[in-house]
Amino acid sequence: MTDIYNKIKTIDELGRISAELKQQSKKIVHCHGVFDLLHPGHLRHLASAKKEGDILVVTITADKFVKRGPGRPIFNEELRAESLASIGSVDYVAIDRHPTAVEAIKIIKPDVYVKGQEYEKKDKNDPSRIPDEEGAVQSVGGRLAFTYDLTFSSSKLINDNLDVHPAEVRRYLQGIAEKYTIDGIADQLGSARRLKTLVIGDAIVDQYHYCEAMGKSLKEHLVVSKYMAEESFAGGVFATANNTAQLCGEVHLVSVLGRQDSHEKFITEHLQPNITPKFFYRADAPTTVKRRYVSTVSNQKVFEICYINDLPLPTALEAEVIAYLDKIIAGFDLVIVSDFGHGFLNKGLVELICRQARFLALNVQTNSANTGFNLITKYPRANYVTVDEPEIRLAAHSKHDDLQSIMKELVGKSDFANLMVTRGHLGSLDYDKKSGFHESPALASRIVDRVGAGDAFFAYTAPCRAAGVPQDLLSFIGNAVGALKVQIVCNRSPVDVVDLKKYVTRLLK
């Protein structure tokens, strides 16, 4: 075991070791991957790679950057490193604490960077980052090579043998895999790229203030906490737009900021590059900030303060927004509304949007600031609507009735073509006027943070629905996005479409 641990180094240590070995005319070979479940394909790949030079170094993706979906990696980074270090052909191992192999390649400066044959020929739907890695190895004077031997799918071995999902979910995934190819699903996702999309909604900056309980005050009934750190996120409509921009090529964003404390610089810096924003400003308010205090011990939210003015927009400002939208809205294929009920989307704007939007997608949210006052029923029509189960029950004034009956009744009263209800750990239930109901199970098995999961689900499924993605595939994509989103802290980043394609590939293998 001592020899095994002597093989495990940091990336910086490997950089120094590589430089020293090169001085001795040794040829350095570098392999990189997750190596979650070692199998004969890995062993033969590493043995073949070793033949390209004298010293084989292997770097593995750190746990926090493994984006293969809920429940992965099966084995943590230390165990994966130990397993690789026990292989005779491997000389050194390091855990790569960067999101891709590019930085490790630049530090180690291998003579040869080796990947498996499955990475050699790539089609238009391939989500790998091999071109970046090839560029990195060429920049340090090395070359890219491939091994040709037995190949196994770690994901398929795990899916078939380690019961990552319950039996009913495995049956559901098998049904999707039998009906749709992975390339076909990628094509369906790509079909939304052509949509010219307008996103409208409430501006929110989310803040997490991390703290640690110190004890109870001796003089007050008060738990005193120690400030540790803080983090801000572009939330609300900005999170919706950032996720939508992963699918749609051109996204135009319309929202209202507060002049008192706009946070505009922060917001614009945290928008995806294919988003064009148009901001209006109200003088009587700050941009809404939702500050949550989060325990560093339990990662639970313990308290929240909102900096908000949720009164309706001043009449003159609302007229200005209406005039702007009236000029542009007909030019968009898809209009996405993210309504948090914070004073922006009132009667005049709702009437204009419902009257002129060619394809209208709605997400109307109930939250602590508007419980019972911001319901989906404020919109007379939509092509696609997503709500969670408590929100639709509030809209229907029904706590206990059958959910399908509630959905049919709401669609019957409103001009909604398609209604999707998200149900947390119960998955989602979709009702389409033409094709009826379709139920999909939840795919998440590990939850880091639920904040923003519904927004991401909506932001991905709305363009898919507008692009004509079939009902069953729409639900599958939404639940896959939700499963990835709950592993991201708040709105730290959108769900990357590359990661989604990789996750779908691993689910269906």
Protein backbone atom coordinates (compact mmCIF):
# COMPACT_ATOMS: atom_id res chain seq x y z
CA MET A 1 0.00 0.00 0.00
CA THR A 2 2.92 2.36 0.66
CA ASP A 3 4.00 2.08 -2.97
CA ILE A 4 0.46 2.90 -4.08
CA TYR A 5 0.30 6.09 -2.03
CA ASN A 6 3.75 7.14 -3.22
CA LYS A 7 2.32 7.19 -6.75
CA ILE A 8 -0.42 9.68 -5.84
CA LYS A 9 0.69 13.29 -6.32
CA THR A 10 -0.80 16.73 -6.86
CA ILE A 11 -0.98 18.19 -10.35
CA ASP A 12 1.77 20.69 -9.49
CA GLU A 13 3.99 17.88 -8.18
CA LEU A 14 3.43 16.00 -11.43
CA GLY A 15 4.49 19.10 -13.32
CA ARG A 16 7.82 19.16 -11.48
CA ILE A 17 8.30 15.39 -11.77
CA SER A 18 7.55 15.50 -15.49
CA ALA A 19 10.10 18.27 -16.04
CA GLU A 20 12.78 16.32 -14.15
CA LEU A 21 12.07 13.11 -16.07
CA LYS A 22 12.23 14.92 -19.38
CA GLN A 23 15.71 16.13 -18.39
CA GLN A 24 16.55 12.40 -18.21
CA SER A 25 15.20 11.93 -21.76
CA LYS A 26 12.10 10.15 -20.52
CA LYS A 27 8.97 10.36 -22.66
CA ILE A 28 5.84 11.33 -20.67
CA VAL A 29 2.43 9.87 -21.54
CA HIS A 30 -0.72 11.34 -20.04
CA CYS A 31 -4.23 9.85 -19.73
CA HIS A 32 -7.22 11.61 -18.19
CA GLY A 33 -10.73 10.57 -17.25
CA VAL A 34 -13.21 9.84 -14.47
CA PHE A 35 -12.35 6.12 -14.13
CA ASP A 36 -15.37 5.58 -11.91
CA LEU A 37 -15.61 1.84 -12.39
CA LEU A 38 -12.36 0.21 -13.53
CA HIS A 39 -12.96 -2.52 -16.08
CA PRO A 40 -10.91 -4.51 -18.64
CA GLY A 41 -11.31 -1.76 -21.22
CA HIS A 42 -9.60 0.72 -18.90
CA LEU A 43 -6.78 -1.71 -18.10
CA ARG A 44 -6.04 -2.40 -21.77
CA HIS A 45 -6.33 1.31 -22.61
CA LEU A 46 -3.73 2.21 -19.97
CA ALA A 47 -1.42 -0.66 -20.98
CA SER A 48 -1.59 0.48 -24.63
CA ALA A 49 -1.00 4.09 -23.62
CA LYS A 50 2.13 3.13 -21.69
CA LYS A 51 3.62 1.81 -24.93
CA GLU A 52 3.64 5.39 -26.30
CA GLY A 53 6.44 6.37 -23.93
CA ASP A 54 8.35 5.67 -20.73
CA ILE A 55 6.28 7.15 -17.91
CA LEU A 56 2.48 7.00 -17.68
CA VAL A 57 0.70 9.64 -15.60
CA VAL A 58 -3.05 9.48 -15.09
CA THR A 59 -5.20 12.37 -13.90
CA ILE A 60 -8.77 11.90 -12.72
CA THR A 61 -11.62 14.37 -12.59
CA ALA A 62 -12.33 15.56 -9.04
CA ASP A 63 -15.74 14.62 -7.63
CA LYS A 64 -17.10 18.18 -7.86
CA PHE A 65 -16.51 18.28 -11.63
CA VAL A 66 -17.94 14.86 -12.49
CA LYS A 67 -21.08 15.77 -14.42
CA ARG A 68 -22.44 12.37 -15.26
CA GLY A 69 -25.70 12.87 -13.48
CA PRO A 70 -27.11 12.06 -10.04
CA GLY A 71 -25.33 9.31 -8.13
CA ARG A 72 -22.05 9.74 -9.99
CA PRO A 73 -19.29 9.20 -9.35
CA ILE A 74 -20.03 5.88 -7.68
CA PHE A 75 -16.59 5.96 -6.00
CA ASN A 76 -15.06 9.11 -4.55
CA GLU A 77 -11.90 10.69 -5.94
CA GLU A 78 -9.58 9.16 -3.30
CA LEU A 79 -10.77 5.62 -3.99
CA ARG A 80 -10.55 6.16 -7.74
CA ALA A 81 -6.98 7.45 -7.37
CA GLU A 82 -5.97 4.49 -5.19
CA SER A 83 -7.45 2.02 -7.67
CA LEU A 84 -5.48 3.52 -10.56
CA ALA A 85 -2.28 3.69 -8.51
CA SER A 86 -2.53 -0.06 -7.89
CA ILE A 87 -2.19 -0.77 -11.64
CA GLY A 88 1.33 -1.75 -12.64
CA SER A 89 1.41 0.20 -15.91
CA VAL A 90 0.55 3.46 -14.12
CA ASP A 91 3.52 5.40 -12.71
CA TYR A 92 1.77 8.43 -11.19
CA VAL A 93 -1.80 9.52 -10.41
CA ALA A 94 -3.25 12.92 -9.54
CA ILE A 95 -6.71 14.29 -8.82
CA ASP A 96 -7.38 17.14 -11.24
CA ARG A 97 -9.17 19.97 -9.44
CA HIS A 98 -9.94 21.86 -12.63
CA PRO A 99 -13.16 21.42 -14.63
CA THR A 100 -11.35 20.01 -17.69
CA ALA A 101 -8.02 18.35 -18.44
CA VAL A 102 -6.67 21.44 -20.18
CA GLU A 103 -4.91 22.96 -17.15
CA ALA A 104 -3.39 19.61 -16.14
CA ILE A 105 -2.02 19.14 -19.66
CA LYS A 106 -0.42 22.60 -19.57
CA ILE A 107 1.20 21.88 -16.19
CA ILE A 108 2.38 18.31 -16.90
CA LYS A 109 3.41 19.04 -20.52
CA PRO A 110 3.16 15.43 -21.75
CA ASP A 111 4.84 14.26 -24.91
CA VAL A 112 1.74 12.21 -25.74
CA TYR A 113 -1.86 12.68 -24.55
CA VAL A 114 -3.85 9.48 -25.05
CA LYS A 115 -7.60 8.92 -25.38
CA GLY A 116 -9.65 5.84 -26.30
CA GLN A 117 -10.73 5.12 -29.84
CA GLU A 118 -14.32 6.21 -29.13
CA TYR A 119 -13.06 9.83 -29.06
CA GLU A 120 -11.36 9.72 -32.44
CA LYS A 121 -14.33 10.16 -34.76
CA LYS A 122 -16.84 12.75 -33.66
CA ASP A 123 -20.14 13.77 -35.22
CA LYS A 124 -22.09 17.01 -34.98
CA ASN A 125 -23.87 15.91 -31.81
CA ASP A 126 -20.75 14.95 -29.88
CA PRO A 127 -20.38 16.96 -26.65
CA SER A 128 -16.76 16.11 -25.85
CA ARG A 129 -14.06 18.70 -25.30
CA ILE A 130 -11.33 16.78 -27.15
CA PRO A 131 -10.52 19.73 -29.45
CA ASP A 132 -9.62 21.85 -26.39
CA GLU A 133 -7.44 19.08 -25.00
CA GLU A 134 -5.74 18.52 -28.35
CA GLY A 135 -5.01 22.24 -28.59
CA ALA A 136 -3.55 22.21 -25.08
CA VAL A 137 -1.20 19.27 -25.74
CA GLN A 138 -0.04 20.78 -29.03
CA SER A 139 0.66 24.08 -27.26
CA VAL A 140 3.19 22.31 -24.99
CA GLY A 141 4.87 20.46 -27.86
CA GLY A 142 3.05 17.15 -27.51
CA ARG A 143 0.62 15.17 -29.65
CA LEU A 144 -2.75 13.47 -29.32
CA ALA A 145 -2.92 9.68 -29.74
CA PHE A 146 -5.64 7.03 -29.51
CA THR A 147 -5.70 3.44 -28.28
CA TYR A 148 -7.50 0.68 -30.19
CA ASP A 149 -8.66 -2.21 -28.05
CA LEU A 150 -11.69 -3.63 -26.28
CA THR A 151 -14.15 -0.93 -25.27
CA PHE A 152 -16.69 -1.08 -22.47
CA SER A 153 -19.16 1.53 -21.27
CA SER A 154 -18.71 2.29 -17.59
CA SER A 155 -22.14 3.90 -17.58
CA LYS A 156 -23.79 0.80 -19.04
CA LEU A 157 -22.00 -1.47 -16.55
CA ILE A 158 -23.14 0.78 -13.70
CA ASN A 159 -26.70 1.10 -15.04
CA ASP A 160 -26.98 -2.68 -15.55
CA ASN A 161 -25.36 -3.87 -12.34
CA LEU A 162 -25.27 -1.26 -9.58
CA ASP A 163 -28.95 -0.24 -9.36
CA VAL A 164 -28.36 3.49 -9.63
CA HIS A 165 -32.09 3.96 -10.27
CA PRO A 166 -35.13 2.14 -8.85
CA ALA A 167 -36.67 -0.59 -10.98
CA GLU A 168 -39.56 1.57 -12.21
CA VAL A 169 -37.14 4.29 -13.34
CA ARG A 170 -34.97 1.73 -15.14
CA ARG A 171 -38.05 0.47 -16.98
CA TYR A 172 -38.97 4.03 -17.91
CA LEU A 173 -35.45 4.74 -19.23
CA GLN A 174 -35.46 1.50 -21.19
CA GLY A 175 -38.71 2.60 -22.85
CA ILE A 176 -37.19 5.96 -23.83
CA ALA A 177 -34.04 4.23 -25.15
CA GLU A 178 -36.11 1.83 -27.26
CA LYS A 179 -38.10 4.68 -28.80
CA TYR A 180 -35.40 7.34 -29.30
CA THR A 181 -31.74 7.18 -30.25
CA ILE A 182 -29.18 9.34 -28.44
CA ASP A 183 -28.37 11.13 -31.70
CA GLY A 184 -32.07 11.67 -32.27
CA ILE A 185 -32.48 13.31 -28.86
CA ALA A 186 -29.47 15.53 -29.56
CA ASP A 187 -31.11 16.55 -32.85
CA GLN A 188 -34.32 17.38 -31.00
CA LEU A 189 -32.40 19.58 -28.56
CA GLY A 190 -30.60 21.22 -31.47
CA SER A 191 -33.90 22.05 -33.19
CA ALA A 192 -34.50 24.87 -30.69
CA ARG A 193 -31.35 26.64 -31.87
CA ARG A 194 -33.23 28.33 -34.71
CA LEU A 195 -35.84 29.93 -32.41
CA LYS A 196 -35.68 33.68 -32.00
CA THR A 197 -36.60 33.94 -28.33
CA LEU A 198 -37.85 36.74 -26.06
CA VAL A 199 -37.60 36.25 -22.29
CA ILE A 200 -39.61 38.56 -20.02
CA GLY A 201 -39.72 38.52 -16.24
CA ASP A 202 -38.82 39.72 -12.77
CA ALA A 203 -35.25 40.71 -11.94
CA ILE A 204 -33.83 38.94 -8.87
CA VAL A 205 -30.34 38.75 -7.42
CA ASP A 206 -29.96 35.75 -5.12
CA GLN A 207 -27.43 35.98 -2.30
CA TYR A 208 -26.15 33.27 0.02
CA HIS A 209 -24.48 34.42 3.23
CA TYR A 210 -22.74 31.43 4.74
CA CYS A 211 -22.60 31.35 8.52
CA GLU A 212 -21.79 29.14 11.47
CA ALA A 213 -23.80 29.05 14.70
CA MET A 214 -21.80 30.28 17.71
CA GLY A 215 -24.38 29.83 20.46
CA LYS A 216 -27.34 31.43 22.16
CA SER A 217 -27.18 34.99 23.39
CA LEU A 218 -27.18 35.22 27.19
CA LYS A 219 -29.41 38.29 27.16
CA GLU A 220 -31.79 37.57 24.26
CA HIS A 221 -33.68 34.62 22.80
CA LEU A 222 -31.35 34.74 19.86
CA VAL A 223 -29.01 32.28 18.15
CA VAL A 224 -25.82 34.13 17.23
CA SER A 225 -24.04 33.13 14.02
CA LYS A 226 -20.57 33.89 12.73
CA TYR A 227 -20.25 35.26 9.19
CA MET A 228 -18.07 33.03 7.02
CA ALA A 229 -18.51 34.02 3.35
CA GLU A 230 -21.00 35.22 0.78
CA GLU A 231 -21.93 34.55 -2.82
CA SER A 232 -24.27 36.27 -5.28
CA PHE A 233 -26.15 34.76 -8.23
CA ALA A 234 -28.15 36.08 -11.17
CA GLY A 235 -31.56 34.64 -10.31
CA GLY A 236 -35.17 35.17 -11.34
CA VAL A 237 -35.59 35.89 -15.03
CA PHE A 238 -31.80 35.99 -15.47
CA ALA A 239 -31.53 32.33 -14.48
CA THR A 240 -34.34 31.49 -16.91
CA ALA A 241 -32.61 33.39 -19.71
CA ASN A 242 -29.21 31.80 -19.01
CA ASN A 243 -30.68 28.30 -19.21
CA THR A 244 -32.74 29.14 -22.30
CA ALA A 245 -29.60 30.49 -23.97
CA GLN A 246 -28.08 27.01 -23.78
CA LEU A 247 -30.59 25.87 -26.42
CA CYS A 248 -31.63 28.99 -28.34
CA GLY A 249 -29.18 30.82 -30.56
CA GLU A 250 -30.62 34.30 -30.06
CA VAL A 251 -32.19 35.41 -26.78
CA HIS A 252 -33.55 38.89 -26.04
CA LEU A 253 -34.19 39.69 -22.37
CA VAL A 254 -36.59 42.34 -21.02
CA SER A 255 -36.81 43.21 -17.34
CA VAL A 256 -37.02 46.10 -14.87
CA LEU A 257 -34.20 47.02 -12.49
CA GLY A 258 -34.37 49.33 -9.48
CA ARG A 259 -32.48 52.61 -9.67
CA GLN A 260 -31.79 52.68 -5.93
CA ASP A 261 -29.45 49.70 -6.12
CA SER A 262 -29.57 48.24 -9.62
CA HIS A 263 -26.81 45.57 -9.50
CA GLU A 264 -26.71 46.10 -13.26
CA LYS A 265 -22.97 45.54 -13.68
CA PHE A 266 -23.13 42.26 -11.76
CA ILE A 267 -26.18 41.12 -13.73
CA THR A 268 -24.76 41.89 -17.18
CA GLU A 269 -21.49 40.16 -16.27
CA HIS A 270 -23.45 37.01 -15.39
CA LEU A 271 -25.53 36.72 -18.55
CA GLN A 272 -24.66 34.25 -21.31
CA PRO A 273 -22.98 35.91 -24.34
CA ASN A 274 -25.92 35.22 -26.70
CA ILE A 275 -28.35 37.19 -24.51
CA THR A 276 -29.17 40.79 -25.46
CA PRO A 277 -30.73 42.60 -22.48
CA LYS A 278 -33.10 45.56 -22.47
CA PHE A 279 -33.54 47.02 -19.00
CA PHE A 280 -36.08 49.54 -17.77
CA TYR A 281 -35.64 51.29 -14.42
CA ARG A 282 -38.01 52.16 -11.60
CA ALA A 283 -36.93 55.00 -9.32
CA ASP A 284 -38.96 53.85 -6.31
CA ALA A 285 -37.24 50.52 -5.72
CA PRO A 286 -34.00 48.54 -5.62
CA THR A 287 -33.49 45.53 -7.84
CA THR A 288 -34.97 42.69 -5.81
CA VAL A 289 -32.38 40.89 -3.68
CA LYS A 290 -33.20 37.67 -1.84
CA ARG A 291 -30.55 37.14 0.80
CA ARG A 292 -30.52 33.70 2.37
CA TYR A 293 -28.41 32.79 5.38
CA VAL A 294 -26.99 29.30 4.94
CA SER A 295 -25.43 27.07 7.60
CA THR A 296 -21.96 25.90 6.62
CA VAL A 297 -22.45 22.84 8.82
CA SER A 298 -25.73 21.50 7.42
CA ASN A 299 -25.89 23.46 4.16
CA GLN A 300 -29.44 24.37 5.17
CA LYS A 301 -31.02 27.79 4.71
CA VAL A 302 -31.89 29.19 8.13
CA PHE A 303 -33.19 32.71 7.40
CA GLU A 304 -34.04 35.01 4.50
CA ILE A 305 -34.32 38.76 4.02
CA CYS A 306 -35.83 40.30 0.88
CA TYR A 307 -34.92 43.76 -0.40
CA ILE A 308 -37.99 44.37 -2.53
CA ASN A 309 -40.69 46.77 -3.62
CA ASP A 310 -43.43 44.58 -5.08
CA LEU A 311 -45.93 47.37 -5.74
CA PRO A 312 -47.15 47.53 -9.36
CA LEU A 313 -44.96 49.48 -11.78
CA PRO A 314 -45.65 53.22 -11.91
CA THR A 315 -48.17 53.93 -14.69
CA ALA A 316 -45.73 55.85 -16.90
CA LEU A 317 -43.07 53.13 -16.66
CA GLU A 318 -45.57 50.37 -17.46
CA ALA A 319 -46.69 52.35 -20.52
CA GLU A 320 -43.06 52.64 -21.63
CA VAL A 321 -42.53 48.86 -21.33
CA ILE A 322 -45.80 48.14 -23.15
CA ALA A 323 -44.85 50.49 -25.99
CA TYR A 324 -41.46 48.78 -26.38
CA LEU A 325 -42.88 45.25 -26.36
CA ASP A 326 -45.68 46.24 -28.72
CA LYS A 327 -43.03 47.11 -31.33
CA ILE A 328 -40.94 43.95 -31.05
CA ILE A 329 -42.93 41.02 -29.68
CA ALA A 330 -44.41 39.87 -33.01
CA GLY A 331 -40.90 39.33 -34.37
CA PHE A 332 -40.12 36.46 -31.98
CA ASP A 333 -40.83 32.77 -32.52
CA LEU A 334 -41.05 32.13 -28.78
CA VAL A 335 -41.98 34.36 -25.84
CA ILE A 336 -41.00 33.01 -22.41
CA VAL A 337 -42.51 34.67 -19.33
CA SER A 338 -40.93 34.11 -15.92
CA ASP A 339 -43.42 35.73 -13.50
CA PHE A 340 -42.40 35.82 -9.84
CA GLY A 341 -45.17 38.23 -8.87
CA HIS A 342 -42.87 41.08 -7.82
CA GLY A 343 -44.78 43.98 -9.40
CA PHE A 344 -43.58 43.86 -13.02
CA LEU A 345 -46.11 41.72 -14.91
CA ASN A 346 -49.46 43.37 -14.30
CA LYS A 347 -52.73 43.56 -16.24
CA GLY A 348 -51.61 45.77 -19.13
CA LEU A 349 -48.46 43.77 -19.87
CA VAL A 350 -50.26 40.45 -19.48
CA GLU A 351 -52.94 41.50 -21.98
CA LEU A 352 -50.34 42.61 -24.53
CA ILE A 353 -48.23 39.47 -24.19
CA CYS A 354 -51.21 37.11 -24.44
CA ARG A 355 -52.60 38.97 -27.44
CA GLN A 356 -49.42 39.24 -29.51
CA ALA A 357 -47.06 36.38 -28.61
CA ARG A 358 -46.88 33.80 -31.41
CA PHE A 359 -45.87 30.98 -29.06
CA LEU A 360 -46.26 31.80 -25.37
CA ALA A 361 -44.62 29.81 -22.57
CA LEU A 362 -45.48 30.68 -18.96
CA ASN A 363 -43.99 29.98 -15.56
CA VAL A 364 -46.01 31.86 -12.92
CA GLN A 365 -44.63 31.31 -9.45
CA THR A 366 -45.99 31.37 -5.95
CA ASN A 367 -43.47 32.37 -3.31
CA SER A 368 -43.27 33.91 0.15
CA ALA A 369 -43.91 37.40 -1.24
CA ASN A 370 -47.13 36.58 -3.11
CA THR A 371 -48.75 33.38 -1.80
CA GLY A 372 -52.27 33.23 -3.21
CA PHE A 373 -51.88 36.46 -5.19
CA ASN A 374 -49.81 35.38 -8.22
CA LEU A 375 -51.60 32.55 -9.96
CA ILE A 376 -51.41 31.11 -13.46
CA THR A 377 -55.06 32.06 -13.95
CA LYS A 378 -54.03 35.72 -14.40
CA TYR A 379 -53.05 34.72 -17.97
CA PRO A 380 -55.98 33.92 -20.31
CA ARG A 381 -53.93 31.88 -22.80
CA ALA A 382 -50.63 30.11 -23.38
CA ASN A 383 -49.17 27.45 -25.62
CA TYR A 384 -47.14 25.92 -22.81
CA VAL A 385 -47.34 26.30 -19.03
CA THR A 386 -45.27 24.84 -16.21
CA VAL A 387 -46.27 25.06 -12.57
CA ASP A 388 -45.48 22.96 -9.53
CA GLU A 389 -48.22 20.99 -7.77
CA PRO A 390 -48.83 23.44 -4.87
CA GLU A 391 -49.14 26.30 -7.41
CA ILE A 392 -51.79 24.55 -9.49
CA ARG A 393 -53.71 23.52 -6.39
CA LEU A 394 -53.76 27.15 -5.24
CA ALA A 395 -54.97 28.23 -8.67
CA ALA A 396 -57.74 25.62 -8.56
CA HIS A 397 -58.58 26.27 -4.88
CA SER A 398 -58.26 22.54 -4.35
CA LYS A 399 -56.00 20.95 -1.74
CA HIS A 400 -57.00 17.30 -2.06
CA ASP A 401 -58.72 16.65 -5.42
CA ASP A 402 -57.18 14.33 -8.01
CA LEU A 403 -54.37 16.15 -9.84
CA GLN A 404 -55.38 14.98 -13.31
CA SER A 405 -58.91 16.27 -12.75
CA ILE A 406 -57.55 19.63 -11.61
CA MET A 407 -55.31 19.88 -14.69
CA LYS A 408 -58.12 19.03 -17.11
CA GLU A 409 -60.45 21.51 -15.45
CA LEU A 410 -57.86 24.31 -15.57
CA VAL A 411 -57.03 23.66 -19.22
CA GLY A 412 -60.76 23.60 -19.96
CA LYS A 413 -61.31 27.01 -18.36
CA SER A 414 -58.17 28.61 -19.83
CA ASP A 415 -56.80 28.58 -23.33
CA PHE A 416 -53.74 26.48 -22.42
CA ALA A 417 -52.58 24.02 -25.07
CA ASN A 418 -50.14 22.15 -22.83
CA LEU A 419 -49.83 22.09 -19.04
CA MET A 420 -46.80 20.59 -17.26
CA VAL A 421 -46.90 20.06 -13.49
CA THR A 422 -43.59 19.42 -11.70
CA ARG A 423 -43.87 17.31 -8.56
CA GLY A 424 -40.42 17.18 -6.98
CA HIS A 425 -39.47 13.60 -6.06
CA LEU A 426 -42.61 12.36 -7.83
CA GLY A 427 -41.39 13.58 -11.22
CA SER A 428 -43.69 15.43 -13.61
CA LEU A 429 -47.15 15.11 -15.13
CA ASP A 430 -47.94 16.65 -18.51
CA TYR A 431 -51.35 17.24 -20.06
CA ASP A 432 -51.74 18.05 -23.73
CA LYS A 433 -55.14 18.86 -25.20
CA LYS A 434 -54.48 16.61 -28.19
CA SER A 435 -52.52 13.68 -26.72
CA GLY A 436 -53.69 13.55 -23.10
CA PHE A 437 -51.55 12.78 -20.05
CA HIS A 438 -47.95 11.62 -19.79
CA GLU A 439 -46.20 10.92 -16.48
CA SER A 440 -42.42 10.81 -16.01
CA PRO A 441 -40.47 9.81 -12.89
CA ALA A 442 -37.89 11.99 -11.15
CA LEU A 443 -34.28 11.16 -12.02
CA ALA A 444 -32.46 12.96 -9.19
CA SER A 445 -30.87 10.84 -6.48
CA ARG A 446 -28.69 13.47 -4.78
CA ILE A 447 -29.80 17.01 -3.97
CA VAL A 448 -27.40 19.84 -3.22
CA ASP A 449 -29.86 22.74 -3.64
CA ARG A 450 -33.42 22.87 -4.95
CA VAL A 451 -33.36 26.61 -5.71
CA GLY A 452 -33.70 27.21 -9.44
CA ALA A 453 -34.60 23.63 -10.41
CA GLY A 454 -38.09 24.56 -11.59
CA ASP A 455 -36.74 27.54 -13.52
CA ALA A 456 -34.22 25.34 -15.34
CA PHE A 457 -36.88 22.70 -16.10
CA PHE A 458 -39.09 25.43 -17.62
CA ALA A 459 -36.27 27.21 -19.45
CA TYR A 460 -35.25 24.02 -21.28
CA THR A 461 -38.69 22.53 -21.95
CA ALA A 462 -40.27 25.76 -23.27
CA PRO A 463 -37.97 25.95 -26.35
CA CYS A 464 -38.29 22.20 -26.82
CA ARG A 465 -42.08 22.44 -26.77
CA ALA A 466 -41.99 25.37 -29.24
CA ALA A 467 -39.69 23.33 -31.51
CA GLY A 468 -42.15 20.44 -31.58
CA VAL A 469 -40.36 17.92 -29.32
CA PRO A 470 -42.73 14.98 -28.61
CA GLN A 471 -44.58 14.94 -25.28
CA ASP A 472 -42.79 11.95 -23.72
CA LEU A 473 -39.37 13.23 -24.75
CA LEU A 474 -40.22 16.72 -23.48
CA SER A 475 -40.89 15.32 -20.00
CA PHE A 476 -37.73 13.20 -20.08
CA ILE A 477 -35.57 16.20 -21.03
CA GLY A 478 -37.15 18.34 -18.31
CA ASN A 479 -36.57 15.76 -15.60
CA ALA A 480 -32.98 15.21 -16.76
CA VAL A 481 -32.38 18.97 -16.55
CA GLY A 482 -33.93 19.06 -13.08
CA ALA A 483 -31.72 16.21 -11.91
CA LEU A 484 -28.61 18.11 -13.04
CA LYS A 485 -29.81 21.44 -11.64
CA VAL A 486 -30.35 20.21 -8.06
CA GLN A 487 -26.63 19.43 -7.97
CA ILE A 488 -25.76 23.10 -8.60
CA VAL A 489 -25.76 25.61 -5.72
CA CYS A 490 -28.57 28.12 -6.33
CA ASN A 491 -28.06 29.78 -9.73
CA ARG A 492 -24.26 29.56 -9.69
CA SER A 493 -24.40 28.36 -13.29
CA PRO A 494 -27.02 27.26 -15.81
CA VAL A 495 -27.40 23.63 -16.79
CA ASP A 496 -24.80 23.22 -19.54
CA VAL A 497 -26.31 21.63 -22.65
CA VAL A 498 -23.06 19.68 -23.12
CA ASP A 499 -23.48 18.17 -19.66
CA LEU A 500 -27.13 17.42 -20.45
CA LYS A 501 -26.18 15.51 -23.60
CA LYS A 502 -23.56 13.53 -21.68
CA TYR A 503 -26.09 12.74 -18.94
CA VAL A 504 -28.72 11.62 -21.45
CA THR A 505 -26.13 9.40 -23.13
CA ARG A 506 -25.25 7.75 -19.83
CA LEU A 507 -28.88 7.33 -18.78
CA LEU A 508 -29.83 5.54 -21.98
CA LYS A 509 -26.78 3.32 -22.53
